[in-house]
Amino acid sequence: MEVKSSFASNSNTFFGRYSVKREIYAFKFFKNKLLQKMIYEMKYNGNKETAFVLGIELGFLVENICKSKNQYFDFIVPVPVSEIKKQSRGYNQCEYIANGISQVIKKPVLRDHLKRRNNLKSQVNKSRYKRWSNVDNQYYLERDFSETRKILLIDDVVTTGATINSCIKALQARNNLEISVAALAGNKE
């Protein structure tokens, strides 16, 4: 896959809420029809291979950007889905994306620190306000990090930033972390 529309930014705040070191997206604005089809297949038709391969592609982008900025990570943390959604889908697509990134940048994926409560309200077709209220306090830490760490937080698609902000809120509640965000597609200018 050729990644023509990738972008990264040095961010002070993520959608004006929480501090992040860097944001990395393979595609802007999510207007690529092939990418939309692949993400649909990955999320709703159980296509794990697509998630992994897209993760590898995103991993190369992360590696190139971070090498040029001399920035590295200790761990990769995928955005979790609820256990109920994981059972119904059969997997968490963000974990497979994270596994692909891990294969490229050679950093471990931590699946057991950040968790999501079993709130099954879908974000699809929700207004910006509803998306934020839907995920507010839905994420929590199952385990603390042993010391200050540099984390790469992985999501599939960032639309309003609500999910990522809720994850950052949970991660920073009891830790002093440097967090960067990477996703396949982002809606941020």
N, C-alpha and C. Protein backbone atom coordinates (compact mmCIF):
# COMPACT_ATOMS: atom_id res chain seq x y z
N MET A 1 0.84 -1.17 0.00
CA MET A 1 0.00 0.00 0.00
C MET A 1 0.89 1.24 0.00
N GLU A 2 0.61 2.16 -0.86
CA GLU A 2 1.34 3.41 -0.88
C GLU A 2 0.65 4.39 0.05
N VAL A 3 1.44 4.97 0.94
CA VAL A 3 0.87 5.88 1.93
C VAL A 3 1.21 7.30 1.52
N LYS A 4 0.36 7.86 0.66
CA LYS A 4 0.61 9.20 0.14
C LYS A 4 0.11 10.29 1.08
N SER A 5 -0.95 10.00 1.80
CA SER A 5 -1.57 11.07 2.57
C SER A 5 -1.26 10.98 4.06
N SER A 6 -0.13 10.37 4.40
CA SER A 6 0.21 10.25 5.81
C SER A 6 0.58 11.62 6.37
N PHE A 7 0.41 11.76 7.66
CA PHE A 7 0.84 12.97 8.31
C PHE A 7 1.14 12.72 9.77
N ALA A 8 1.96 13.59 10.29
CA ALA A 8 2.32 13.50 11.70
C ALA A 8 2.44 14.92 12.22
N SER A 9 2.23 15.07 13.49
CA SER A 9 2.38 16.40 14.07
C SER A 9 3.01 16.28 15.45
N ASN A 10 3.74 17.31 15.81
CA ASN A 10 4.19 17.45 17.18
C ASN A 10 3.07 18.15 17.90
N SER A 11 2.43 17.48 18.79
CA SER A 11 1.24 17.99 19.43
C SER A 11 1.52 18.35 20.86
N ASN A 12 0.93 19.42 21.31
CA ASN A 12 0.94 19.68 22.74
C ASN A 12 -0.30 19.09 23.38
N THR A 13 -1.42 19.19 22.68
CA THR A 13 -2.66 18.61 23.20
C THR A 13 -3.36 17.84 22.10
N PHE A 14 -4.06 16.81 22.50
CA PHE A 14 -4.82 15.99 21.57
C PHE A 14 -6.24 16.50 21.56
N PHE A 15 -6.68 17.07 20.44
CA PHE A 15 -7.99 17.69 20.31
C PHE A 15 -8.24 18.66 21.47
N GLY A 16 -7.18 19.34 21.90
CA GLY A 16 -7.29 20.38 22.92
C GLY A 16 -7.49 19.89 24.34
N ARG A 17 -7.32 18.59 24.59
CA ARG A 17 -7.65 18.05 25.92
C ARG A 17 -6.43 17.59 26.70
N TYR A 18 -5.75 16.57 26.21
CA TYR A 18 -4.64 15.96 26.94
C TYR A 18 -3.35 16.10 26.16
N SER A 19 -2.25 16.15 26.87
CA SER A 19 -0.94 16.29 26.27
C SER A 19 -0.50 15.00 25.59
N VAL A 20 -0.07 15.12 24.34
CA VAL A 20 0.54 14.01 23.62
C VAL A 20 1.82 14.51 22.97
N LYS A 21 2.77 13.62 22.82
CA LYS A 21 4.05 13.98 22.22
C LYS A 21 3.93 14.11 20.70
N ARG A 22 3.26 13.13 20.08
CA ARG A 22 3.18 13.09 18.62
C ARG A 22 1.91 12.37 18.20
N GLU A 23 1.38 12.77 17.04
CA GLU A 23 0.25 12.08 16.41
C GLU A 23 0.71 11.63 15.04
N ILE A 24 0.43 10.36 14.72
CA ILE A 24 0.83 9.79 13.43
C ILE A 24 -0.38 9.09 12.83
N TYR A 25 -0.75 9.48 11.60
CA TYR A 25 -1.87 8.87 10.90
C TYR A 25 -1.40 8.46 9.50
N ALA A 26 -1.81 7.26 9.07
CA ALA A 26 -1.47 6.82 7.72
C ALA A 26 -2.27 7.60 6.68
N PHE A 27 -3.53 7.92 7.01
CA PHE A 27 -4.38 8.65 6.08
C PHE A 27 -5.13 9.75 6.80
N LYS A 28 -5.31 10.88 6.10
CA LYS A 28 -6.10 11.99 6.63
C LYS A 28 -7.54 11.86 6.16
N PHE A 29 -8.43 12.32 7.00
CA PHE A 29 -9.84 12.54 6.65
C PHE A 29 -10.62 11.29 6.26
N PHE A 30 -9.96 10.14 6.17
CA PHE A 30 -10.67 8.87 5.96
C PHE A 30 -11.51 8.88 4.68
N LYS A 31 -11.04 9.52 3.62
CA LYS A 31 -11.80 9.60 2.36
C LYS A 31 -11.33 8.58 1.33
N ASN A 32 -10.41 7.72 1.66
CA ASN A 32 -9.89 6.73 0.74
C ASN A 32 -10.83 5.51 0.72
N LYS A 33 -11.49 5.27 -0.42
CA LYS A 33 -12.51 4.20 -0.49
C LYS A 33 -11.91 2.82 -0.23
N LEU A 34 -10.71 2.55 -0.71
CA LEU A 34 -10.07 1.26 -0.47
C LEU A 34 -9.80 1.09 1.02
N LEU A 35 -9.29 2.13 1.66
CA LEU A 35 -9.03 2.06 3.10
C LEU A 35 -10.34 1.87 3.87
N GLN A 36 -11.40 2.59 3.47
CA GLN A 36 -12.70 2.43 4.13
C GLN A 36 -13.18 0.99 4.03
N LYS A 37 -13.02 0.37 2.87
CA LYS A 37 -13.43 -1.02 2.69
C LYS A 37 -12.58 -1.95 3.57
N MET A 38 -11.27 -1.71 3.61
CA MET A 38 -10.39 -2.56 4.43
C MET A 38 -10.74 -2.43 5.91
N ILE A 39 -11.01 -1.22 6.36
CA ILE A 39 -11.35 -1.02 7.77
C ILE A 39 -12.69 -1.68 8.09
N TYR A 40 -13.64 -1.59 7.17
CA TYR A 40 -14.92 -2.26 7.37
C TYR A 40 -14.72 -3.77 7.48
N GLU A 41 -13.95 -4.33 6.58
CA GLU A 41 -13.65 -5.77 6.61
C GLU A 41 -12.98 -6.16 7.93
N MET A 42 -12.06 -5.34 8.36
CA MET A 42 -11.31 -5.60 9.59
C MET A 42 -12.21 -5.55 10.82
N LYS A 43 -13.10 -4.55 10.87
CA LYS A 43 -13.92 -4.36 12.07
C LYS A 43 -15.15 -5.25 12.12
N TYR A 44 -15.77 -5.47 10.97
CA TYR A 44 -17.08 -6.12 10.98
C TYR A 44 -17.11 -7.51 10.33
N ASN A 45 -16.07 -7.87 9.60
CA ASN A 45 -16.04 -9.18 8.96
C ASN A 45 -14.87 -10.05 9.45
N GLY A 46 -14.23 -9.64 10.54
CA GLY A 46 -13.21 -10.47 11.18
C GLY A 46 -11.94 -10.64 10.38
N ASN A 47 -11.61 -9.72 9.52
CA ASN A 47 -10.42 -9.85 8.69
C ASN A 47 -9.17 -9.43 9.47
N LYS A 48 -8.64 -10.37 10.24
CA LYS A 48 -7.47 -10.13 11.10
C LYS A 48 -6.22 -9.84 10.28
N GLU A 49 -6.10 -10.49 9.14
CA GLU A 49 -4.91 -10.31 8.31
C GLU A 49 -4.81 -8.87 7.82
N THR A 50 -5.94 -8.29 7.45
CA THR A 50 -5.94 -6.89 7.02
C THR A 50 -5.46 -5.99 8.14
N ALA A 51 -5.94 -6.22 9.35
CA ALA A 51 -5.51 -5.41 10.49
C ALA A 51 -4.00 -5.53 10.69
N PHE A 52 -3.49 -6.74 10.62
CA PHE A 52 -2.06 -6.96 10.82
C PHE A 52 -1.23 -6.29 9.73
N VAL A 53 -1.63 -6.46 8.46
CA VAL A 53 -0.88 -5.88 7.34
C VAL A 53 -0.92 -4.36 7.39
N LEU A 54 -2.09 -3.79 7.69
CA LEU A 54 -2.17 -2.33 7.83
C LEU A 54 -1.30 -1.86 9.00
N GLY A 55 -1.24 -2.68 10.05
CA GLY A 55 -0.36 -2.37 11.18
C GLY A 55 1.10 -2.35 10.77
N ILE A 56 1.50 -3.28 9.93
CA ILE A 56 2.89 -3.27 9.43
C ILE A 56 3.16 -1.99 8.65
N GLU A 57 2.23 -1.62 7.77
CA GLU A 57 2.40 -0.38 6.99
C GLU A 57 2.49 0.84 7.92
N LEU A 58 1.60 0.89 8.90
CA LEU A 58 1.65 2.00 9.86
C LEU A 58 2.96 1.94 10.65
N GLY A 59 3.43 0.73 10.94
CA GLY A 59 4.70 0.57 11.65
C GLY A 59 5.87 1.17 10.89
N PHE A 60 5.90 0.98 9.57
CA PHE A 60 6.97 1.60 8.77
C PHE A 60 6.90 3.11 8.82
N LEU A 61 5.69 3.65 8.79
CA LEU A 61 5.52 5.09 8.89
C LEU A 61 5.98 5.59 10.26
N VAL A 62 5.57 4.91 11.32
CA VAL A 62 6.00 5.27 12.69
C VAL A 62 7.52 5.22 12.78
N GLU A 63 8.11 4.15 12.27
CA GLU A 63 9.56 3.99 12.34
C GLU A 63 10.28 5.14 11.62
N ASN A 64 9.84 5.47 10.41
CA ASN A 64 10.49 6.54 9.64
C ASN A 64 10.35 7.90 10.32
N ILE A 65 9.16 8.21 10.79
CA ILE A 65 8.95 9.50 11.45
C ILE A 65 9.75 9.59 12.74
N CYS A 66 9.74 8.52 13.52
CA CYS A 66 10.42 8.57 14.81
C CYS A 66 11.93 8.55 14.68
N LYS A 67 12.45 7.87 13.67
CA LYS A 67 13.90 7.91 13.42
C LYS A 67 14.33 9.33 13.07
N SER A 68 13.55 9.99 12.23
CA SER A 68 13.90 11.35 11.82
C SER A 68 13.81 12.34 12.99
N LYS A 69 12.98 12.04 13.98
CA LYS A 69 12.82 12.92 15.15
C LYS A 69 13.57 12.40 16.37
N ASN A 70 14.28 11.28 16.21
CA ASN A 70 15.01 10.64 17.31
C ASN A 70 14.09 10.39 18.52
N GLN A 71 12.93 9.84 18.22
CA GLN A 71 11.94 9.52 19.26
C GLN A 71 11.65 8.03 19.22
N TYR A 72 11.65 7.42 20.39
CA TYR A 72 11.40 5.98 20.47
C TYR A 72 10.41 5.70 21.59
N PHE A 73 9.87 4.50 21.59
CA PHE A 73 8.84 4.11 22.55
C PHE A 73 9.31 2.91 23.36
N ASP A 74 8.77 2.80 24.57
CA ASP A 74 9.03 1.62 25.39
C ASP A 74 8.01 0.53 25.10
N PHE A 75 6.75 0.94 24.91
CA PHE A 75 5.66 -0.01 24.74
C PHE A 75 4.64 0.49 23.73
N ILE A 76 3.89 -0.45 23.19
CA ILE A 76 2.75 -0.16 22.33
C ILE A 76 1.50 -0.60 23.10
N VAL A 77 0.51 0.29 23.17
CA VAL A 77 -0.74 -0.02 23.89
C VAL A 77 -1.91 0.14 22.92
N PRO A 78 -2.59 -0.96 22.58
CA PRO A 78 -3.76 -0.84 21.70
C PRO A 78 -4.98 -0.35 22.47
N VAL A 79 -5.83 0.42 21.81
CA VAL A 79 -7.10 0.81 22.41
C VAL A 79 -7.91 -0.48 22.61
N PRO A 80 -8.35 -0.72 23.83
CA PRO A 80 -9.10 -1.96 24.08
C PRO A 80 -10.57 -1.84 23.66
N VAL A 81 -11.17 -2.98 23.38
CA VAL A 81 -12.61 -3.06 23.19
C VAL A 81 -13.16 -3.80 24.40
N SER A 82 -14.44 -3.70 24.64
CA SER A 82 -15.05 -4.41 25.76
C SER A 82 -14.92 -5.92 25.52
N GLU A 83 -14.95 -6.69 26.58
CA GLU A 83 -14.87 -8.14 26.46
C GLU A 83 -16.05 -8.68 25.65
N ILE A 84 -17.22 -8.07 25.81
CA ILE A 84 -18.40 -8.51 25.06
C ILE A 84 -18.20 -8.28 23.56
N LYS A 85 -17.69 -7.09 23.20
CA LYS A 85 -17.45 -6.79 21.78
C LYS A 85 -16.33 -7.68 21.23
N LYS A 86 -15.32 -7.93 22.05
CA LYS A 86 -14.22 -8.80 21.62
C LYS A 86 -14.74 -10.21 21.34
N GLN A 87 -15.63 -10.70 22.18
CA GLN A 87 -16.21 -12.03 21.96
C GLN A 87 -17.08 -12.06 20.70
N SER A 88 -17.85 -10.99 20.48
CA SER A 88 -18.73 -10.99 19.31
C SER A 88 -17.93 -10.84 18.01
N ARG A 89 -16.86 -10.02 18.01
CA ARG A 89 -16.03 -9.86 16.82
C ARG A 89 -15.01 -10.99 16.68
N GLY A 90 -14.64 -11.55 17.81
CA GLY A 90 -13.63 -12.60 17.79
C GLY A 90 -12.23 -12.09 18.05
N TYR A 91 -12.06 -10.79 18.07
CA TYR A 91 -10.73 -10.19 18.31
C TYR A 91 -10.86 -8.69 18.45
N ASN A 92 -9.77 -8.07 18.87
CA ASN A 92 -9.67 -6.61 18.94
C ASN A 92 -8.78 -6.18 17.77
N GLN A 93 -9.34 -5.47 16.80
CA GLN A 93 -8.58 -5.07 15.63
C GLN A 93 -7.39 -4.19 15.98
N CYS A 94 -7.50 -3.39 17.03
CA CYS A 94 -6.37 -2.54 17.43
C CYS A 94 -5.18 -3.36 17.92
N GLU A 95 -5.45 -4.52 18.53
CA GLU A 95 -4.35 -5.40 18.94
C GLU A 95 -3.61 -5.93 17.71
N TYR A 96 -4.34 -6.29 16.67
CA TYR A 96 -3.69 -6.79 15.46
C TYR A 96 -2.91 -5.69 14.75
N ILE A 97 -3.45 -4.48 14.74
CA ILE A 97 -2.71 -3.34 14.18
C ILE A 97 -1.43 -3.13 15.00
N ALA A 98 -1.56 -3.17 16.34
CA ALA A 98 -0.40 -3.00 17.22
C ALA A 98 0.63 -4.11 17.00
N ASN A 99 0.17 -5.34 16.78
CA ASN A 99 1.10 -6.44 16.51
C ASN A 99 1.89 -6.20 15.23
N GLY A 100 1.24 -5.65 14.21
CA GLY A 100 1.93 -5.31 12.97
C GLY A 100 2.98 -4.24 13.19
N ILE A 101 2.62 -3.21 13.95
CA ILE A 101 3.57 -2.14 14.27
C ILE A 101 4.74 -2.72 15.06
N SER A 102 4.44 -3.58 16.02
CA SER A 102 5.47 -4.19 16.86
C SER A 102 6.47 -4.98 16.02
N GLN A 103 5.99 -5.64 15.00
CA GLN A 103 6.89 -6.41 14.14
C GLN A 103 7.93 -5.51 13.49
N VAL A 104 7.55 -4.27 13.19
CA VAL A 104 8.46 -3.34 12.52
C VAL A 104 9.36 -2.63 13.53
N ILE A 105 8.79 -2.07 14.60
CA ILE A 105 9.60 -1.24 15.51
C ILE A 105 10.18 -2.03 16.68
N LYS A 106 9.84 -3.31 16.77
CA LYS A 106 10.44 -4.22 17.77
C LYS A 106 10.22 -3.76 19.21
N LYS A 107 9.01 -3.34 19.51
CA LYS A 107 8.63 -2.98 20.88
C LYS A 107 7.44 -3.85 21.29
N PRO A 108 7.35 -4.20 22.57
CA PRO A 108 6.27 -5.09 23.00
C PRO A 108 4.91 -4.40 23.04
N VAL A 109 3.88 -5.21 22.78
CA VAL A 109 2.50 -4.76 22.86
C VAL A 109 1.97 -5.14 24.24
N LEU A 110 1.46 -4.16 24.99
CA LEU A 110 0.88 -4.41 26.31
C LEU A 110 -0.64 -4.44 26.19
N ARG A 111 -1.21 -5.63 26.34
CA ARG A 111 -2.66 -5.81 26.24
C ARG A 111 -3.35 -5.82 27.60
N ASP A 112 -2.57 -5.89 28.67
CA ASP A 112 -3.15 -6.13 29.99
C ASP A 112 -3.12 -4.93 30.93
N HIS A 113 -2.83 -3.76 30.42
CA HIS A 113 -2.80 -2.57 31.28
C HIS A 113 -4.07 -1.74 31.16
N LEU A 114 -4.44 -1.39 29.94
CA LEU A 114 -5.61 -0.55 29.68
C LEU A 114 -6.79 -1.44 29.31
N LYS A 115 -7.93 -1.20 29.95
CA LYS A 115 -9.13 -2.02 29.72
C LYS A 115 -10.32 -1.11 29.45
N ARG A 116 -11.35 -1.70 28.82
CA ARG A 116 -12.60 -0.99 28.60
C ARG A 116 -13.73 -1.71 29.32
N ARG A 117 -14.60 -0.91 29.93
CA ARG A 117 -15.78 -1.48 30.56
C ARG A 117 -16.72 -2.01 29.48
N ASN A 118 -17.68 -2.80 29.85
CA ASN A 118 -18.57 -3.42 28.87
C ASN A 118 -19.74 -2.53 28.47
N ASN A 119 -19.41 -1.39 27.91
CA ASN A 119 -20.42 -0.49 27.36
C ASN A 119 -20.44 -0.71 25.86
N LEU A 120 -21.51 -1.23 25.33
CA LEU A 120 -21.55 -1.61 23.93
C LEU A 120 -22.11 -0.56 22.99
N LYS A 121 -22.32 0.65 23.43
CA LYS A 121 -22.86 1.67 22.56
C LYS A 121 -21.86 1.97 21.44
N SER A 122 -22.27 1.75 20.21
CA SER A 122 -21.41 1.98 19.06
C SER A 122 -21.20 3.49 18.86
N GLN A 123 -20.05 3.84 18.31
CA GLN A 123 -19.75 5.24 18.01
C GLN A 123 -20.23 5.63 16.60
N VAL A 124 -20.57 4.64 15.78
CA VAL A 124 -20.97 4.90 14.40
C VAL A 124 -22.23 5.77 14.37
N ASN A 125 -22.20 6.80 13.53
CA ASN A 125 -23.32 7.73 13.31
C ASN A 125 -23.70 8.54 14.54
N LYS A 126 -22.81 8.66 15.51
CA LYS A 126 -23.06 9.49 16.69
C LYS A 126 -22.51 10.90 16.45
N SER A 127 -23.16 11.88 17.04
CA SER A 127 -22.66 13.25 16.98
C SER A 127 -21.38 13.35 17.80
N ARG A 128 -20.67 14.45 17.62
CA ARG A 128 -19.45 14.66 18.38
C ARG A 128 -19.74 14.60 19.88
N TYR A 129 -20.78 15.25 20.35
CA TYR A 129 -21.13 15.24 21.77
C TYR A 129 -21.43 13.82 22.25
N LYS A 130 -22.24 13.08 21.48
CA LYS A 130 -22.61 11.72 21.88
C LYS A 130 -21.38 10.81 21.92
N ARG A 131 -20.44 11.01 21.00
CA ARG A 131 -19.22 10.20 21.01
C ARG A 131 -18.43 10.44 22.30
N TRP A 132 -18.31 11.71 22.69
CA TRP A 132 -17.56 12.03 23.91
C TRP A 132 -18.26 11.47 25.14
N SER A 133 -19.57 11.63 25.23
CA SER A 133 -20.28 11.14 26.41
C SER A 133 -20.35 9.61 26.44
N ASN A 134 -20.35 8.98 25.28
CA ASN A 134 -20.41 7.53 25.18
C ASN A 134 -19.17 6.86 25.77
N VAL A 135 -18.00 7.48 25.62
CA VAL A 135 -16.77 6.84 26.09
C VAL A 135 -16.21 7.46 27.38
N ASP A 136 -16.86 8.48 27.88
CA ASP A 136 -16.37 9.11 29.10
C ASP A 136 -16.30 8.08 30.23
N ASN A 137 -15.16 7.94 30.83
CA ASN A 137 -14.89 7.01 31.94
C ASN A 137 -15.12 5.55 31.57
N GLN A 138 -15.03 5.20 30.30
CA GLN A 138 -15.17 3.80 29.89
C GLN A 138 -13.85 3.03 29.96
N TYR A 139 -12.74 3.73 30.05
CA TYR A 139 -11.44 3.08 30.08
C TYR A 139 -10.83 3.20 31.47
N TYR A 140 -10.08 2.19 31.86
CA TYR A 140 -9.44 2.19 33.18
C TYR A 140 -8.16 1.37 33.11
N LEU A 141 -7.30 1.59 34.11
CA LEU A 141 -6.05 0.84 34.18
C LEU A 141 -6.24 -0.41 35.01
N GLU A 142 -5.90 -1.54 34.45
CA GLU A 142 -5.90 -2.81 35.17
C GLU A 142 -4.59 -2.95 35.95
N ARG A 143 -3.51 -2.42 35.35
CA ARG A 143 -2.18 -2.48 35.95
C ARG A 143 -1.45 -1.17 35.69
N ASP A 144 -0.72 -0.68 36.69
CA ASP A 144 0.10 0.51 36.51
C ASP A 144 1.38 0.17 35.75
N PHE A 145 2.01 1.19 35.23
CA PHE A 145 3.33 1.04 34.63
C PHE A 145 4.34 1.20 35.75
N SER A 146 5.45 0.48 35.67
CA SER A 146 6.41 0.45 36.77
C SER A 146 7.15 1.77 36.95
N GLU A 147 7.29 2.53 35.90
CA GLU A 147 7.97 3.83 35.98
C GLU A 147 7.52 4.68 34.81
N THR A 148 8.08 5.87 34.70
CA THR A 148 7.74 6.74 33.59
C THR A 148 8.12 6.03 32.29
N ARG A 149 7.19 5.97 31.39
CA ARG A 149 7.39 5.27 30.13
C ARG A 149 6.92 6.10 28.96
N LYS A 150 7.47 5.76 27.79
CA LYS A 150 7.03 6.35 26.52
C LYS A 150 6.13 5.33 25.83
N ILE A 151 4.88 5.72 25.65
CA ILE A 151 3.84 4.83 25.16
C ILE A 151 3.38 5.27 23.76
N LEU A 152 3.19 4.30 22.88
CA LEU A 152 2.54 4.55 21.60
C LEU A 152 1.15 3.93 21.69
N LEU A 153 0.12 4.78 21.72
CA LEU A 153 -1.28 4.36 21.84
C LEU A 153 -1.85 4.18 20.44
N ILE A 154 -2.44 2.99 20.18
CA ILE A 154 -2.88 2.63 18.82
C ILE A 154 -4.39 2.55 18.74
N ASP A 155 -4.96 3.22 17.72
CA ASP A 155 -6.38 3.09 17.40
C ASP A 155 -6.50 2.81 15.90
N ASP A 156 -7.66 2.37 15.47
CA ASP A 156 -7.84 2.14 14.04
C ASP A 156 -8.20 3.45 13.34
N VAL A 157 -9.24 4.13 13.82
CA VAL A 157 -9.71 5.37 13.21
C VAL A 157 -9.95 6.40 14.31
N VAL A 158 -9.42 7.61 14.11
CA VAL A 158 -9.68 8.71 15.04
C VAL A 158 -10.62 9.68 14.34
N THR A 159 -11.83 9.81 14.87
CA THR A 159 -12.81 10.69 14.26
C THR A 159 -12.92 11.99 15.05
N THR A 160 -13.44 11.92 16.26
CA THR A 160 -13.57 13.12 17.10
C THR A 160 -12.49 13.20 18.16
N GLY A 161 -11.76 12.11 18.38
CA GLY A 161 -10.74 12.07 19.43
C GLY A 161 -11.28 11.63 20.77
N ALA A 162 -12.57 11.33 20.86
CA ALA A 162 -13.18 10.98 22.14
C ALA A 162 -12.58 9.72 22.75
N THR A 163 -12.44 8.67 21.96
CA THR A 163 -11.90 7.41 22.48
C THR A 163 -10.47 7.59 22.97
N ILE A 164 -9.64 8.22 22.14
CA ILE A 164 -8.23 8.42 22.52
C ILE A 164 -8.13 9.27 23.77
N ASN A 165 -8.92 10.34 23.86
CA ASN A 165 -8.87 11.19 25.05
C ASN A 165 -9.27 10.42 26.30
N SER A 166 -10.27 9.57 26.20
CA SER A 166 -10.68 8.78 27.35
C SER A 166 -9.58 7.79 27.75
N CYS A 167 -8.90 7.23 26.77
CA CYS A 167 -7.77 6.33 27.05
C CYS A 167 -6.62 7.08 27.72
N ILE A 168 -6.29 8.25 27.20
CA ILE A 168 -5.21 9.05 27.79
C ILE A 168 -5.55 9.42 29.23
N LYS A 169 -6.79 9.81 29.46
CA LYS A 169 -7.23 10.14 30.82
C LYS A 169 -6.98 8.97 31.77
N ALA A 170 -7.32 7.76 31.34
CA ALA A 170 -7.11 6.57 32.18
C ALA A 170 -5.63 6.27 32.36
N LEU A 171 -4.86 6.38 31.28
CA LEU A 171 -3.42 6.09 31.36
C LEU A 171 -2.70 7.05 32.29
N GLN A 172 -3.08 8.32 32.24
CA GLN A 172 -2.38 9.34 33.04
C GLN A 172 -2.91 9.44 34.47
N ALA A 173 -3.98 8.75 34.78
CA ALA A 173 -4.58 8.86 36.12
C ALA A 173 -3.60 8.52 37.23
N ARG A 174 -2.78 7.50 37.02
CA ARG A 174 -1.83 7.08 38.06
C ARG A 174 -0.42 6.92 37.54
N ASN A 175 -0.14 7.47 36.40
CA ASN A 175 1.18 7.32 35.78
C ASN A 175 1.66 8.65 35.22
N ASN A 176 2.96 8.72 35.03
CA ASN A 176 3.56 9.87 34.37
C ASN A 176 4.13 9.35 33.06
N LEU A 177 3.32 9.39 32.01
CA LEU A 177 3.69 8.79 30.74
C LEU A 177 3.86 9.85 29.66
N GLU A 178 4.75 9.57 28.73
CA GLU A 178 4.84 10.35 27.51
C GLU A 178 4.08 9.55 26.46
N ILE A 179 2.97 10.09 25.99
CA ILE A 179 2.08 9.35 25.10
C ILE A 179 2.10 9.95 23.71
N SER A 180 2.26 9.08 22.72
CA SER A 180 2.08 9.43 21.32
C SER A 180 0.93 8.58 20.80
N VAL A 181 0.27 9.04 19.75
CA VAL A 181 -0.91 8.36 19.20
C VAL A 181 -0.61 8.02 17.74
N ALA A 182 -0.98 6.80 17.33
CA ALA A 182 -0.91 6.40 15.93
C ALA A 182 -2.21 5.71 15.56
N ALA A 183 -2.68 5.98 14.34
CA ALA A 183 -3.92 5.37 13.85
C ALA A 183 -3.83 5.22 12.33
N LEU A 184 -4.64 4.33 11.80
CA LEU A 184 -4.68 4.16 10.35
C LEU A 184 -5.24 5.40 9.68
N ALA A 185 -6.29 5.96 10.25
CA ALA A 185 -6.93 7.12 9.64
C ALA A 185 -7.30 8.12 10.72
N GLY A 186 -7.18 9.39 10.37
CA GLY A 186 -7.51 10.47 11.30
C GLY A 186 -8.31 11.55 10.62
N ASN A 187 -9.13 12.22 11.40
CA ASN A 187 -10.01 13.26 10.90
C ASN A 187 -9.52 14.63 11.35
N LYS A 188 -8.25 14.74 11.66
CA LYS A 188 -7.70 15.98 12.20
C LYS A 188 -6.92 16.72 11.13
N GLU A 189 -7.11 18.01 11.07
CA GLU A 189 -6.37 18.82 10.10
C GLU A 189 -5.04 19.24 10.66
